[in-house]
Amino acid sequence: MSETSRFIRPLLEFLFPNTTEETLVIYHGYIRKFAHLTEYAILAFWASRAFSGSSKNILRRVWYLFALLLVLLVALIDETNQSFLASRTGSIWDVGLDFLGGFMATLIFYFVYQRQTKEI
């Protein structure tokens, strides 16, 4: 949280000048968790797009599984790496949050992809 407080904290203080310290910490936490969801949703979108258009038949047929597997793998590697840094902590809950963001994006992409392939 100390890494992101340099730019998120001043913004929160500007937007909510009369808010208590505890509330600012809570808002900051929500923003960080939402960032987890968003960045892994973006990863899942690009992975889904790449795998669904792959020249490899297996990737093209089950692109959604490969996209979710990639999201899970990157989330696990990221949190494992953070657990070795003194200034960071790795959390299985963050892996779950990352996967949830990836799952939601993959699900949306799946429905859009199915709709587009039926129209063709």
PDB file of N, CA and C in Angstrom:
ATOM      1  N   MET A   1       0.813  -1.189   0.000  1.00  0.00           N
ATOM      2  CA  MET A   1       0.000   0.000   0.000  1.00  0.00           C
ATOM      3  C   MET A   1       0.862   1.261   0.000  1.00  0.00           C
ATOM      4  N   SER A   2       2.045   1.156   0.568  1.00  0.00           N
ATOM      5  CA  SER A   2       2.922   2.333   0.624  1.00  0.00           C
ATOM      6  C   SER A   2       3.395   2.745  -0.760  1.00  0.00           C
ATOM      7  N   GLU A   3       3.513   1.785  -1.679  1.00  0.00           N
ATOM      8  CA  GLU A   3       3.958   2.102  -3.040  1.00  0.00           C
ATOM      9  C   GLU A   3       2.934   2.945  -3.788  1.00  0.00           C
ATOM     10  N   THR A   4       1.666   2.634  -3.636  1.00  0.00           N
ATOM     11  CA  THR A   4       0.632   3.361  -4.374  1.00  0.00           C
ATOM     12  C   THR A   4       0.127   4.593  -3.631  1.00  0.00           C
ATOM     13  N   SER A   5       0.489   4.732  -2.371  1.00  0.00           N
ATOM     14  CA  SER A   5      -0.025   5.865  -1.599  1.00  0.00           C
ATOM     15  C   SER A   5       0.560   7.201  -2.053  1.00  0.00           C
ATOM     16  N   ARG A   6       1.639   7.154  -2.815  1.00  0.00           N
ATOM     17  CA  ARG A   6       2.241   8.401  -3.287  1.00  0.00           C
ATOM     18  C   ARG A   6       1.333   9.161  -4.247  1.00  0.00           C
ATOM     19  N   PHE A   7       0.528   8.449  -5.027  1.00  0.00           N
ATOM     20  CA  PHE A   7      -0.349   9.150  -5.963  1.00  0.00           C
ATOM     21  C   PHE A   7      -1.836   8.942  -5.663  1.00  0.00           C
ATOM     22  N   ILE A   8      -2.206   7.822  -5.063  1.00  0.00           N
ATOM     23  CA  ILE A   8      -3.614   7.602  -4.742  1.00  0.00           C
ATOM     24  C   ILE A   8      -4.021   8.429  -3.531  1.00  0.00           C
ATOM     25  N   ARG A   9      -3.181   8.458  -2.525  1.00  0.00           N
ATOM     26  CA  ARG A   9      -3.517   9.169  -1.284  1.00  0.00           C
ATOM     27  C   ARG A   9      -3.788  10.660  -1.509  1.00  0.00           C
ATOM     28  N   PRO A  10      -2.912  11.389  -2.218  1.00  0.00           N
ATOM     29  CA  PRO A  10      -3.217  12.808  -2.462  1.00  0.00           C
ATOM     30  C   PRO A  10      -4.518  13.009  -3.249  1.00  0.00           C
ATOM     31  N   LEU A  11      -4.790  12.105  -4.175  1.00  0.00           N
ATOM     32  CA  LEU A  11      -6.038  12.202  -4.944  1.00  0.00           C
ATOM     33  C   LEU A  11      -7.247  11.988  -4.028  1.00  0.00           C
ATOM     34  N   LEU A  12      -7.172  10.997  -3.156  1.00  0.00           N
ATOM     35  CA  LEU A  12      -8.268  10.753  -2.212  1.00  0.00           C
ATOM     36  C   LEU A  12      -8.459  11.929  -1.271  1.00  0.00           C
ATOM     37  N   GLU A  13      -7.367  12.504  -0.787  1.00  0.00           N
ATOM     38  CA  GLU A  13      -7.462  13.658   0.113  1.00  0.00           C
ATOM     39  C   GLU A  13      -8.066  14.858  -0.600  1.00  0.00           C
ATOM     40  N   PHE A  14      -7.773  14.998  -1.894  1.00  0.00           N
ATOM     41  CA  PHE A  14      -8.353  16.090  -2.669  1.00  0.00           C
ATOM     42  C   PHE A  14      -9.848  15.867  -2.888  1.00  0.00           C
ATOM     43  N   LEU A  15     -10.219  14.636  -3.249  1.00  0.00           N
ATOM     44  CA  LEU A  15     -11.620  14.330  -3.531  1.00  0.00           C
ATOM     45  C   LEU A  15     -12.491  14.282  -2.277  1.00  0.00           C
ATOM     46  N   PHE A  16     -11.920  13.860  -1.166  1.00  0.00           N
ATOM     47  CA  PHE A  16     -12.653  13.717   0.092  1.00  0.00           C
ATOM     48  C   PHE A  16     -11.898  14.430   1.210  1.00  0.00           C
ATOM     49  N   PRO A  17     -11.899  15.763   1.221  1.00  0.00           N
ATOM     50  CA  PRO A  17     -11.055  16.514   2.164  1.00  0.00           C
ATOM     51  C   PRO A  17     -11.454  16.343   3.637  1.00  0.00           C
ATOM     52  N   ASN A  18     -12.685  16.059   3.927  1.00  0.00           N
ATOM     53  CA  ASN A  18     -13.133  15.972   5.330  1.00  0.00           C
ATOM     54  C   ASN A  18     -13.287  14.537   5.806  1.00  0.00           C
ATOM     55  N   THR A  19     -12.687  13.603   5.097  1.00  0.00           N
ATOM     56  CA  THR A  19     -12.826  12.191   5.436  1.00  0.00           C
ATOM     57  C   THR A  19     -11.800  11.790   6.493  1.00  0.00           C
ATOM     58  N   THR A  20     -12.189  10.857   7.339  1.00  0.00           N
ATOM     59  CA  THR A  20     -11.279  10.398   8.393  1.00  0.00           C
ATOM     60  C   THR A  20     -10.162   9.532   7.802  1.00  0.00           C
ATOM     61  N   GLU A  21      -9.120   9.378   8.590  1.00  0.00           N
ATOM     62  CA  GLU A  21      -7.966   8.560   8.189  1.00  0.00           C
ATOM     63  C   GLU A  21      -8.379   7.121   7.893  1.00  0.00           C
ATOM     64  N   GLU A  22      -9.214   6.567   8.742  1.00  0.00           N
ATOM     65  CA  GLU A  22      -9.661   5.177   8.561  1.00  0.00           C
ATOM     66  C   GLU A  22     -10.414   4.999   7.247  1.00  0.00           C
ATOM     67  N   THR A  23     -11.248   5.959   6.912  1.00  0.00           N
ATOM     68  CA  THR A  23     -12.021   5.888   5.673  1.00  0.00           C
ATOM     69  C   THR A  23     -11.107   6.004   4.462  1.00  0.00           C
ATOM     70  N   LEU A  24     -10.112   6.870   4.530  1.00  0.00           N
ATOM     71  CA  LEU A  24      -9.160   6.996   3.425  1.00  0.00           C
ATOM     72  C   LEU A  24      -8.400   5.690   3.201  1.00  0.00           C
ATOM     73  N   VAL A  25      -8.026   5.026   4.288  1.00  0.00           N
ATOM     74  CA  VAL A  25      -7.333   3.735   4.182  1.00  0.00           C
ATOM     75  C   VAL A  25      -8.246   2.700   3.533  1.00  0.00           C
ATOM     76  N   ILE A  26      -9.514   2.703   3.906  1.00  0.00           N
ATOM     77  CA  ILE A  26     -10.473   1.772   3.306  1.00  0.00           C
ATOM     78  C   ILE A  26     -10.645   2.057   1.818  1.00  0.00           C
ATOM     79  N   TYR A  27     -10.822   3.330   1.449  1.00  0.00           N
ATOM     80  CA  TYR A  27     -10.955   3.701   0.034  1.00  0.00           C
ATOM     81  C   TYR A  27      -9.717   3.278  -0.755  1.00  0.00           C
ATOM     82  N   HIS A  28      -8.570   3.511  -0.170  1.00  0.00           N
ATOM     83  CA  HIS A  28      -7.306   3.148  -0.822  1.00  0.00           C
ATOM     84  C   HIS A  28      -7.259   1.636  -1.058  1.00  0.00           C
ATOM     85  N   GLY A  29      -7.678   0.872  -0.076  1.00  0.00           N
ATOM     86  CA  GLY A  29      -7.723  -0.585  -0.227  1.00  0.00           C
ATOM     87  C   GLY A  29      -8.666  -1.017  -1.330  1.00  0.00           C
ATOM     88  N   TYR A  30      -9.839  -0.398  -1.400  1.00  0.00           N
ATOM     89  CA  TYR A  30     -10.798  -0.725  -2.466  1.00  0.00           C
ATOM     90  C   TYR A  30     -10.232  -0.416  -3.845  1.00  0.00           C
ATOM     91  N   ILE A  31      -9.558   0.704  -3.961  1.00  0.00           N
ATOM     92  CA  ILE A  31      -8.966   1.080  -5.252  1.00  0.00           C
ATOM     93  C   ILE A  31      -7.903   0.066  -5.660  1.00  0.00           C
ATOM     94  N   ARG A  32      -7.081  -0.353  -4.697  1.00  0.00           N
ATOM     95  CA  ARG A  32      -6.046  -1.344  -5.003  1.00  0.00           C
ATOM     96  C   ARG A  32      -6.654  -2.676  -5.429  1.00  0.00           C
ATOM     97  N   LYS A  33      -7.705  -3.104  -4.751  1.00  0.00           N
ATOM     98  CA  LYS A  33      -8.344  -4.380  -5.111  1.00  0.00           C
ATOM     99  C   LYS A  33      -9.039  -4.281  -6.464  1.00  0.00           C
ATOM    100  N   PHE A  34      -9.648  -3.138  -6.740  1.00  0.00           N
ATOM    101  CA  PHE A  34     -10.271  -2.935  -8.047  1.00  0.00           C
ATOM    102  C   PHE A  34      -9.212  -2.952  -9.152  1.00  0.00           C
ATOM    103  N   ALA A  35      -8.021  -2.449  -8.841  1.00  0.00           N
ATOM    104  CA  ALA A  35      -6.915  -2.487  -9.805  1.00  0.00           C
ATOM    105  C   ALA A  35      -6.531  -3.930 -10.115  1.00  0.00           C
ATOM    106  N   HIS A  36      -6.525  -4.793  -9.105  1.00  0.00           N
ATOM    107  CA  HIS A  36      -6.262  -6.218  -9.331  1.00  0.00           C
ATOM    108  C   HIS A  36      -7.268  -6.783 -10.328  1.00  0.00           C
ATOM    109  N   LEU A  37      -8.535  -6.539 -10.074  1.00  0.00           N
ATOM    110  CA  LEU A  37      -9.578  -7.036 -10.977  1.00  0.00           C
ATOM    111  C   LEU A  37      -9.360  -6.521 -12.399  1.00  0.00           C
ATOM    112  N   THR A  38      -9.107  -5.239 -12.513  1.00  0.00           N
ATOM    113  CA  THR A  38      -9.001  -4.600 -13.820  1.00  0.00           C
ATOM    114  C   THR A  38      -7.796  -5.079 -14.605  1.00  0.00           C
ATOM    115  N   GLU A  39      -6.635  -5.131 -13.984  1.00  0.00           N
ATOM    116  CA  GLU A  39      -5.440  -5.497 -14.751  1.00  0.00           C
ATOM    117  C   GLU A  39      -5.477  -6.951 -15.216  1.00  0.00           C
ATOM    118  N   TYR A  40      -6.051  -7.822 -14.404  1.00  0.00           N
ATOM    119  CA  TYR A  40      -6.149  -9.220 -14.839  1.00  0.00           C
ATOM    120  C   TYR A  40      -7.304  -9.436 -15.804  1.00  0.00           C
ATOM    121  N   ALA A  41      -8.310  -8.585 -15.766  1.00  0.00           N
ATOM    122  CA  ALA A  41      -9.363  -8.617 -16.785  1.00  0.00           C
ATOM    123  C   ALA A  41      -8.779  -8.223 -18.139  1.00  0.00           C
ATOM    124  N   ILE A  42      -7.905  -7.237 -18.135  1.00  0.00           N
ATOM    125  CA  ILE A  42      -7.253  -6.814 -19.376  1.00  0.00           C
ATOM    126  C   ILE A  42      -6.359  -7.934 -19.911  1.00  0.00           C
ATOM    127  N   LEU A  43      -5.603  -8.574 -19.031  1.00  0.00           N
ATOM    128  CA  LEU A  43      -4.771  -9.706 -19.439  1.00  0.00           C
ATOM    129  C   LEU A  43      -5.643 -10.804 -20.049  1.00  0.00           C
ATOM    130  N   ALA A  44      -6.755 -11.118 -19.416  1.00  0.00           N
ATOM    131  CA  ALA A  44      -7.646 -12.167 -19.919  1.00  0.00           C
ATOM    132  C   ALA A  44      -8.244 -11.792 -21.261  1.00  0.00           C
ATOM    133  N   PHE A  45      -8.596 -10.528 -21.434  1.00  0.00           N
ATOM    134  CA  PHE A  45      -9.141 -10.083 -22.721  1.00  0.00           C
ATOM    135  C   PHE A  45      -8.139 -10.310 -23.843  1.00  0.00           C
ATOM    136  N   TRP A  46      -6.900  -9.855 -23.633  1.00  0.00           N
ATOM    137  CA  TRP A  46      -5.891 -10.000 -24.683  1.00  0.00           C
ATOM    138  C   TRP A  46      -5.526 -11.467 -24.913  1.00  0.00           C
ATOM    139  N   ALA A  47      -5.484 -12.256 -23.851  1.00  0.00           N
ATOM    140  CA  ALA A  47      -5.203 -13.682 -24.000  1.00  0.00           C
ATOM    141  C   ALA A  47      -6.345 -14.368 -24.744  1.00  0.00           C
ATOM    142  N   SER A  48      -7.579 -14.026 -24.415  1.00  0.00           N
ATOM    143  CA  SER A  48      -8.739 -14.603 -25.104  1.00  0.00           C
ATOM    144  C   SER A  48      -8.713 -14.247 -26.581  1.00  0.00           C
ATOM    145  N   ARG A  49      -8.421 -13.025 -26.854  1.00  0.00           N
ATOM    146  CA  ARG A  49      -8.364 -12.568 -28.244  1.00  0.00           C
ATOM    147  C   ARG A  49      -7.264 -13.296 -29.018  1.00  0.00           C
ATOM    148  N   ALA A  50      -6.113 -13.453 -28.384  1.00  0.00           N
ATOM    149  CA  ALA A  50      -4.986 -14.123 -29.047  1.00  0.00           C
ATOM    150  C   ALA A  50      -5.266 -15.614 -29.248  1.00  0.00           C
ATOM    151  N   PHE A  51      -5.736 -16.280 -28.220  1.00  0.00           N
ATOM    152  CA  PHE A  51      -5.947 -17.725 -28.312  1.00  0.00           C
ATOM    153  C   PHE A  51      -7.123 -18.078 -29.228  1.00  0.00           C
ATOM    154  N   SER A  52      -8.182 -17.264 -29.222  1.00  0.00           N
ATOM    155  CA  SER A  52      -9.340 -17.580 -30.065  1.00  0.00           C
ATOM    156  C   SER A  52      -9.038 -17.418 -31.544  1.00  0.00           C
ATOM    157  N   GLY A  53      -8.020 -16.648 -31.874  1.00  0.00           N
ATOM    158  CA  GLY A  53      -7.640 -16.457 -33.268  1.00  0.00           C
ATOM    159  C   GLY A  53      -6.357 -17.182 -33.639  1.00  0.00           C
ATOM    160  N   SER A  54      -5.937 -18.106 -32.808  1.00  0.00           N
ATOM    161  CA  SER A  54      -4.677 -18.812 -33.026  1.00  0.00           C
ATOM    162  C   SER A  54      -4.733 -19.720 -34.254  1.00  0.00           C
ATOM    163  N   SER A  55      -3.585 -19.953 -34.843  1.00  0.00           N
ATOM    164  CA  SER A  55      -3.496 -20.896 -35.954  1.00  0.00           C
ATOM    165  C   SER A  55      -3.431 -22.337 -35.450  1.00  0.00           C
ATOM    166  N   LYS A  56      -3.183 -22.521 -34.175  1.00  0.00           N
ATOM    167  CA  LYS A  56      -3.159 -23.858 -33.568  1.00  0.00           C
ATOM    168  C   LYS A  56      -4.587 -24.268 -33.226  1.00  0.00           C
ATOM    169  N   ASN A  57      -4.998 -25.420 -33.713  1.00  0.00           N
ATOM    170  CA  ASN A  57      -6.371 -25.881 -33.544  1.00  0.00           C
ATOM    171  C   ASN A  57      -6.766 -26.024 -32.078  1.00  0.00           C
ATOM    172  N   ILE A  58      -5.901 -26.601 -31.267  1.00  0.00           N
ATOM    173  CA  ILE A  58      -6.224 -26.812 -29.853  1.00  0.00           C
ATOM    174  C   ILE A  58      -6.424 -25.489 -29.126  1.00  0.00           C
ATOM    175  N   LEU A  59      -5.599 -24.501 -29.427  1.00  0.00           N
ATOM    176  CA  LEU A  59      -5.745 -23.176 -28.807  1.00  0.00           C
ATOM    177  C   LEU A  59      -7.051 -22.527 -29.248  1.00  0.00           C
ATOM    178  N   ARG A  60      -7.385 -22.663 -30.505  1.00  0.00           N
ATOM    179  CA  ARG A  60      -8.584 -22.037 -31.041  1.00  0.00           C
ATOM    180  C   ARG A  60      -9.862 -22.693 -30.490  1.00  0.00           C
ATOM    181  N   ARG A  61      -9.835 -24.000 -30.278  1.00  0.00           N
ATOM    182  CA  ARG A  61     -11.027 -24.708 -29.792  1.00  0.00           C
ATOM    183  C   ARG A  61     -11.323 -24.425 -28.321  1.00  0.00           C
ATOM    184  N   VAL A  62     -10.320 -24.432 -27.477  1.00  0.00           N
ATOM    185  CA  VAL A  62     -10.531 -24.213 -26.038  1.00  0.00           C
ATOM    186  C   VAL A  62      -9.754 -22.982 -25.564  1.00  0.00           C
ATOM    187  N   TRP A  63      -9.882 -21.910 -26.306  1.00  0.00           N
ATOM    188  CA  TRP A  63      -9.157 -20.679 -26.018  1.00  0.00           C
ATOM    189  C   TRP A  63      -9.458 -20.161 -24.614  1.00  0.00           C
ATOM    190  N   TYR A  64     -10.701 -20.328 -24.155  1.00  0.00           N
ATOM    191  CA  TYR A  64     -11.089 -19.816 -22.846  1.00  0.00           C
ATOM    192  C   TYR A  64     -10.338 -20.523 -21.712  1.00  0.00           C
ATOM    193  N   LEU A  65     -10.078 -21.815 -21.867  1.00  0.00           N
ATOM    194  CA  LEU A  65      -9.299 -22.523 -20.839  1.00  0.00           C
ATOM    195  C   LEU A  65      -7.852 -22.033 -20.796  1.00  0.00           C
ATOM    196  N   PHE A  66      -7.265 -21.833 -21.969  1.00  0.00           N
ATOM    197  CA  PHE A  66      -5.887 -21.333 -22.017  1.00  0.00           C
ATOM    198  C   PHE A  66      -5.800 -19.904 -21.474  1.00  0.00           C
ATOM    199  N   ALA A  67      -6.808 -19.083 -21.766  1.00  0.00           N
ATOM    200  CA  ALA A  67      -6.808 -17.712 -21.248  1.00  0.00           C
ATOM    201  C   ALA A  67      -6.884 -17.721 -19.723  1.00  0.00           C
ATOM    202  N   LEU A  68      -7.775 -18.543 -19.178  1.00  0.00           N
ATOM    203  CA  LEU A  68      -7.904 -18.615 -17.712  1.00  0.00           C
ATOM    204  C   LEU A  68      -6.669 -19.227 -17.068  1.00  0.00           C
ATOM    205  N   LEU A  69      -6.080 -20.206 -17.722  1.00  0.00           N
ATOM    206  CA  LEU A  69      -4.861 -20.813 -17.204  1.00  0.00           C
ATOM    207  C   LEU A  69      -3.718 -19.799 -17.178  1.00  0.00           C
ATOM    208  N   LEU A  70      -3.619 -18.993 -18.221  1.00  0.00           N
ATOM    209  CA  LEU A  70      -2.593 -17.956 -18.252  1.00  0.00           C
ATOM    210  C   LEU A  70      -2.801 -16.940 -17.135  1.00  0.00           C
ATOM    211  N   VAL A  71      -4.037 -16.512 -16.939  1.00  0.00           N
ATOM    212  CA  VAL A  71      -4.342 -15.555 -15.872  1.00  0.00           C
ATOM    213  C   VAL A  71      -3.950 -16.136 -14.511  1.00  0.00           C
ATOM    214  N   LEU A  72      -4.339 -17.377 -14.274  1.00  0.00           N
ATOM    215  CA  LEU A  72      -4.017 -18.021 -12.999  1.00  0.00           C
ATOM    216  C   LEU A  72      -2.507 -18.156 -12.814  1.00  0.00           C
ATOM    217  N   LEU A  73      -1.819 -18.556 -13.846  1.00  0.00           N
ATOM    218  CA  LEU A  73      -0.369 -18.726 -13.771  1.00  0.00           C
ATOM    219  C   LEU A  73       0.339 -17.404 -13.477  1.00  0.00           C
ATOM    220  N   VAL A  74      -0.035 -16.356 -14.176  1.00  0.00           N
ATOM    221  CA  VAL A  74       0.590 -15.043 -13.952  1.00  0.00           C
ATOM    222  C   VAL A  74       0.276 -14.536 -12.546  1.00  0.00           C
ATOM    223  N   ALA A  75      -0.963 -14.721 -12.089  1.00  0.00           N
ATOM    224  CA  ALA A  75      -1.338 -14.283 -10.739  1.00  0.00           C
ATOM    225  C   ALA A  75      -0.528 -15.026  -9.679  1.00  0.00           C
ATOM    226  N   LEU A  76      -0.387 -16.338  -9.854  1.00  0.00           N
ATOM    227  CA  LEU A  76       0.402 -17.124  -8.894  1.00  0.00           C
ATOM    228  C   LEU A  76       1.867 -16.714  -8.891  1.00  0.00           C
ATOM    229  N   ILE A  77       2.437 -16.505 -10.059  1.00  0.00           N
ATOM    230  CA  ILE A  77       3.836 -16.075 -10.153  1.00  0.00           C
ATOM    231  C   ILE A  77       4.015 -14.698  -9.511  1.00  0.00           C
ATOM    232  N   ASP A  78       3.089 -13.790  -9.788  1.00  0.00           N
ATOM    233  CA  ASP A  78       3.175 -12.437  -9.234  1.00  0.00           C
ATOM    234  C   ASP A  78       3.113 -12.451  -7.711  1.00  0.00           C
ATOM    235  N   GLU A  79       2.155 -13.174  -7.160  1.00  0.00           N
ATOM    236  CA  GLU A  79       2.027 -13.210  -5.705  1.00  0.00           C
ATOM    237  C   GLU A  79       3.182 -13.960  -5.049  1.00  0.00           C
ATOM    238  N   THR A  80       3.680 -15.000  -5.695  1.00  0.00           N
ATOM    239  CA  THR A  80       4.848 -15.707  -5.167  1.00  0.00           C
ATOM    240  C   THR A  80       6.056 -14.785  -5.143  1.00  0.00           C
ATOM    241  N   ASN A  81       6.250 -14.045  -6.225  1.00  0.00           N
ATOM    242  CA  ASN A  81       7.346 -13.086  -6.286  1.00  0.00           C
ATOM    243  C   ASN A  81       7.217 -12.039  -5.178  1.00  0.00           C
ATOM    244  N   GLN A  82       6.004 -11.539  -4.957  1.00  0.00           N
ATOM    245  CA  GLN A  82       5.798 -10.536  -3.915  1.00  0.00           C
ATOM    246  C   GLN A  82       6.107 -11.083  -2.521  1.00  0.00           C
ATOM    247  N   SER A  83       5.894 -12.363  -2.321  1.00  0.00           N
ATOM    248  CA  SER A  83       6.147 -12.935  -0.997  1.00  0.00           C
ATOM    249  C   SER A  83       7.631 -12.956  -0.645  1.00  0.00           C
ATOM    250  N   PHE A  84       8.497 -12.827  -1.637  1.00  0.00           N
ATOM    251  CA  PHE A  84       9.939 -12.798  -1.396  1.00  0.00           C
ATOM    252  C   PHE A  84      10.478 -11.385  -1.204  1.00  0.00           C
ATOM    253  N   LEU A  85       9.649 -10.373  -1.399  1.00  0.00           N
ATOM    254  CA  LEU A  85      10.083  -8.989  -1.252  1.00  0.00           C
ATOM    255  C   LEU A  85       9.702  -8.469   0.125  1.00  0.00           C
ATOM    256  N   ALA A  86      10.630  -7.807   0.776  1.00  0.00           N
ATOM    257  CA  ALA A  86      10.380  -7.300   2.129  1.00  0.00           C
ATOM    258  C   ALA A  86       9.301  -6.220   2.145  1.00  0.00           C
ATOM    259  N   SER A  87       9.198  -5.452   1.062  1.00  0.00           N
ATOM    260  CA  SER A  87       8.237  -4.354   1.029  1.00  0.00           C
ATOM    261  C   SER A  87       6.851  -4.783   0.556  1.00  0.00           C
ATOM    262  N   ARG A  88       6.682  -6.037   0.187  1.00  0.00           N
ATOM    263  CA  ARG A  88       5.400  -6.528  -0.336  1.00  0.00           C
ATOM    264  C   ARG A  88       4.991  -7.802   0.395  1.00  0.00           C
ATOM    265  N   THR A  89       3.745  -8.176   0.212  1.00  0.00           N
ATOM    266  CA  THR A  89       3.265  -9.448   0.752  1.00  0.00           C
ATOM    267  C   THR A  89       2.485 -10.172  -0.339  1.00  0.00           C
ATOM    268  N   GLY A  90       2.661 -11.462  -0.413  1.00  0.00           N
ATOM    269  CA  GLY A  90       1.894 -12.273  -1.348  1.00  0.00           C
ATOM    270  C   GLY A  90       0.645 -12.783  -0.653  1.00  0.00           C
ATOM    271  N   SER A  91      -0.448 -12.840  -1.376  1.00  0.00           N
ATOM    272  CA  SER A  91      -1.708 -13.258  -0.771  1.00  0.00           C
ATOM    273  C   SER A  91      -2.482 -14.161  -1.728  1.00  0.00           C
ATOM    274  N   ILE A  92      -2.945 -15.279  -1.219  1.00  0.00           N
ATOM    275  CA  ILE A  92      -3.774 -16.170  -2.022  1.00  0.00           C
ATOM    276  C   ILE A  92      -5.103 -15.491  -2.345  1.00  0.00           C
ATOM    277  N   TRP A  93      -5.537 -14.574  -1.486  1.00  0.00           N
ATOM    278  CA  TRP A  93      -6.777 -13.833  -1.746  1.00  0.00           C
ATOM    279  C   TRP A  93      -6.613 -12.938  -2.966  1.00  0.00           C
ATOM    280  N   ASP A  94      -5.429 -12.362  -3.142  1.00  0.00           N
ATOM    281  CA  ASP A  94      -5.183 -11.553  -4.334  1.00  0.00           C
ATOM    282  C   ASP A  94      -5.174 -12.415  -5.588  1.00  0.00           C
ATOM    283  N   VAL A  95      -4.670 -13.633  -5.482  1.00  0.00           N
ATOM    284  CA  VAL A  95      -4.726 -14.563  -6.624  1.00  0.00           C
ATOM    285  C   VAL A  95      -6.182 -14.816  -6.988  1.00  0.00           C
ATOM    286  N   GLY A  96      -7.018 -15.031  -5.986  1.00  0.00           N
ATOM    287  CA  GLY A  96      -8.439 -15.242  -6.239  1.00  0.00           C
ATOM    288  C   GLY A  96      -9.098 -14.036  -6.879  1.00  0.00           C
ATOM    289  N   LEU A  97      -8.734 -12.849  -6.408  1.00  0.00           N
ATOM    290  CA  LEU A  97      -9.273 -11.617  -6.975  1.00  0.00           C
ATOM    291  C   LEU A  97      -8.796 -11.432  -8.413  1.00  0.00           C
ATOM    292  N   ASP A  98      -7.527 -11.723  -8.659  1.00  0.00           N
ATOM    293  CA  ASP A  98      -6.979 -11.639 -10.013  1.00  0.00           C
ATOM    294  C   ASP A  98      -7.711 -12.603 -10.940  1.00  0.00           C
ATOM    295  N   PHE A  99      -7.920 -13.823 -10.455  1.00  0.00           N
ATOM    296  CA  PHE A  99      -8.598 -14.824 -11.270  1.00  0.00           C
ATOM    297  C   PHE A  99     -10.048 -14.420 -11.531  1.00  0.00           C
ATOM    298  N   LEU A 100     -10.697 -13.832 -10.538  1.00  0.00           N
ATOM    299  CA  LEU A 100     -12.068 -13.373 -10.717  1.00  0.00           C
ATOM    300  C   LEU A 100     -12.150 -12.321 -11.822  1.00  0.00           C
ATOM    301  N   GLY A 101     -11.223 -11.379 -11.822  1.00  0.00           N
ATOM    302  CA  GLY A 101     -11.186 -10.374 -12.887  1.00  0.00           C
ATOM    303  C   GLY A 101     -10.978 -11.008 -14.246  1.00  0.00           C
ATOM    304  N   GLY A 102     -10.055 -11.975 -14.308  1.00  0.00           N
ATOM    305  CA  GLY A 102      -9.818 -12.684 -15.563  1.00  0.00           C
ATOM    306  C   GLY A 102     -11.011 -13.503 -15.991  1.00  0.00           C
ATOM    307  N   PHE A 103     -11.672 -14.142 -15.028  1.00  0.00           N
ATOM    308  CA  PHE A 103     -12.846 -14.955 -15.335  1.00  0.00           C
ATOM    309  C   PHE A 103     -13.978 -14.093 -15.893  1.00  0.00           C
ATOM    310  N   MET A 104     -14.220 -12.951 -15.272  1.00  0.00           N
ATOM    311  CA  MET A 104     -15.300 -12.065 -15.738  1.00  0.00           C
ATOM    312  C   MET A 104     -15.037 -11.581 -17.161  1.00  0.00           C
ATOM    313  N   ALA A 105     -13.792 -11.192 -17.440  1.00  0.00           N
ATOM    314  CA  ALA A 105     -13.462 -10.717 -18.784  1.00  0.00           C
ATOM    315  C   ALA A 105     -13.563 -11.854 -19.804  1.00  0.00           C
ATOM    316  N   THR A 106     -13.121 -13.045 -19.427  1.00  0.00           N
ATOM    317  CA  THR A 106     -13.199 -14.189 -20.329  1.00  0.00           C
ATOM    318  C   THR A 106     -14.654 -14.552 -20.597  1.00  0.00           C
ATOM    319  N   LEU A 107     -15.481 -14.486 -19.584  1.00  0.00           N
ATOM    320  CA  LEU A 107     -16.896 -14.789 -19.744  1.00  0.00           C
ATOM    321  C   LEU A 107     -17.565 -13.786 -20.695  1.00  0.00           C
ATOM    322  N   ILE A 108     -17.289 -12.521 -20.517  1.00  0.00           N
ATOM    323  CA  ILE A 108     -17.838 -11.502 -21.417  1.00  0.00           C
ATOM    324  C   ILE A 108     -17.338 -11.732 -22.831  1.00  0.00           C
ATOM    325  N   PHE A 109     -16.036 -11.986 -22.973  1.00  0.00           N
ATOM    326  CA  PHE A 109     -15.467 -12.234 -24.292  1.00  0.00           C
ATOM    327  C   PHE A 109     -16.105 -13.470 -24.923  1.00  0.00           C
ATOM    328  N   TYR A 110     -16.356 -14.497 -24.119  1.00  0.00           N
ATOM    329  CA  TYR A 110     -16.963 -15.735 -24.607  1.00  0.00           C
ATOM    330  C   TYR A 110     -18.327 -15.465 -25.230  1.00  0.00           C
ATOM    331  N   PHE A 111     -19.170 -14.716 -24.528  1.00  0.00           N
ATOM    332  CA  PHE A 111     -20.507 -14.429 -25.050  1.00  0.00           C
ATOM    333  C   PHE A 111     -20.458 -13.555 -26.297  1.00  0.00           C
ATOM    334  N   VAL A 112     -19.583 -12.581 -26.312  1.00  0.00           N
ATOM    335  CA  VAL A 112     -19.427 -11.737 -27.499  1.00  0.00           C
ATOM    336  C   VAL A 112     -18.889 -12.569 -28.662  1.00  0.00           C
ATOM    337  N   TYR A 113     -17.919 -13.412 -28.393  1.00  0.00           N
ATOM    338  CA  TYR A 113     -17.321 -14.275 -29.416  1.00  0.00           C
ATOM    339  C   TYR A 113     -18.365 -15.236 -29.989  1.00  0.00           C
ATOM    340  N   GLN A 114     -19.177 -15.837 -29.125  1.00  0.00           N
ATOM    341  CA  GLN A 114     -20.229 -16.764 -29.582  1.00  0.00           C
ATOM    342  C   GLN A 114     -21.245 -16.025 -30.464  1.00  0.00           C
ATOM    343  N   ARG A 115     -21.585 -14.836 -30.065  1.00  0.00           N
ATOM    344  CA  ARG A 115     -22.547 -14.043 -30.842  1.00  0.00           C
ATOM    345  C   ARG A 115     -21.992 -13.688 -32.204  1.00  0.00           C
ATOM    346  N   GLN A 116     -20.735 -13.300 -32.245  1.00  0.00           N
ATOM    347  CA  GLN A 116     -20.118 -12.919 -33.513  1.00  0.00           C
ATOM    348  C   GLN A 116     -19.960 -14.109 -34.440  1.00  0.00           C
ATOM    349  N   THR A 117     -19.598 -15.272 -33.906  1.00  0.00           N
ATOM    350  CA  THR A 117     -19.407 -16.436 -34.756  1.00  0.00           C
ATOM    351  C   THR A 117     -20.739 -16.962 -35.302  1.00  0.00           C
ATOM    352  N   LYS A 118     -21.837 -16.735 -34.599  1.00  0.00           N
ATOM    353  CA  LYS A 118     -23.150 -17.132 -35.091  1.00  0.00           C
ATOM    354  C   LYS A 118     -23.642 -16.215 -36.205  1.00  0.00           C
ATOM    355  N   GLU A 119     -23.215 -14.956 -36.158  1.00  0.00           N
ATOM    356  CA  GLU A 119     -23.634 -13.999 -37.186  1.00  0.00           C
ATOM    357  C   GLU A 119     -22.911 -14.220 -38.503  1.00  0.00           C
ATOM    358  N   ILE A 120     -21.757 -14.860 -38.457  1.00  0.00           N
ATOM    359  CA  ILE A 120     -20.949 -15.052 -39.666  1.00  0.00           C
ATOM    360  C   ILE A 120     -21.441 -16.194 -40.486  1.00  0.00           C
TER     361      ILE A 120
END
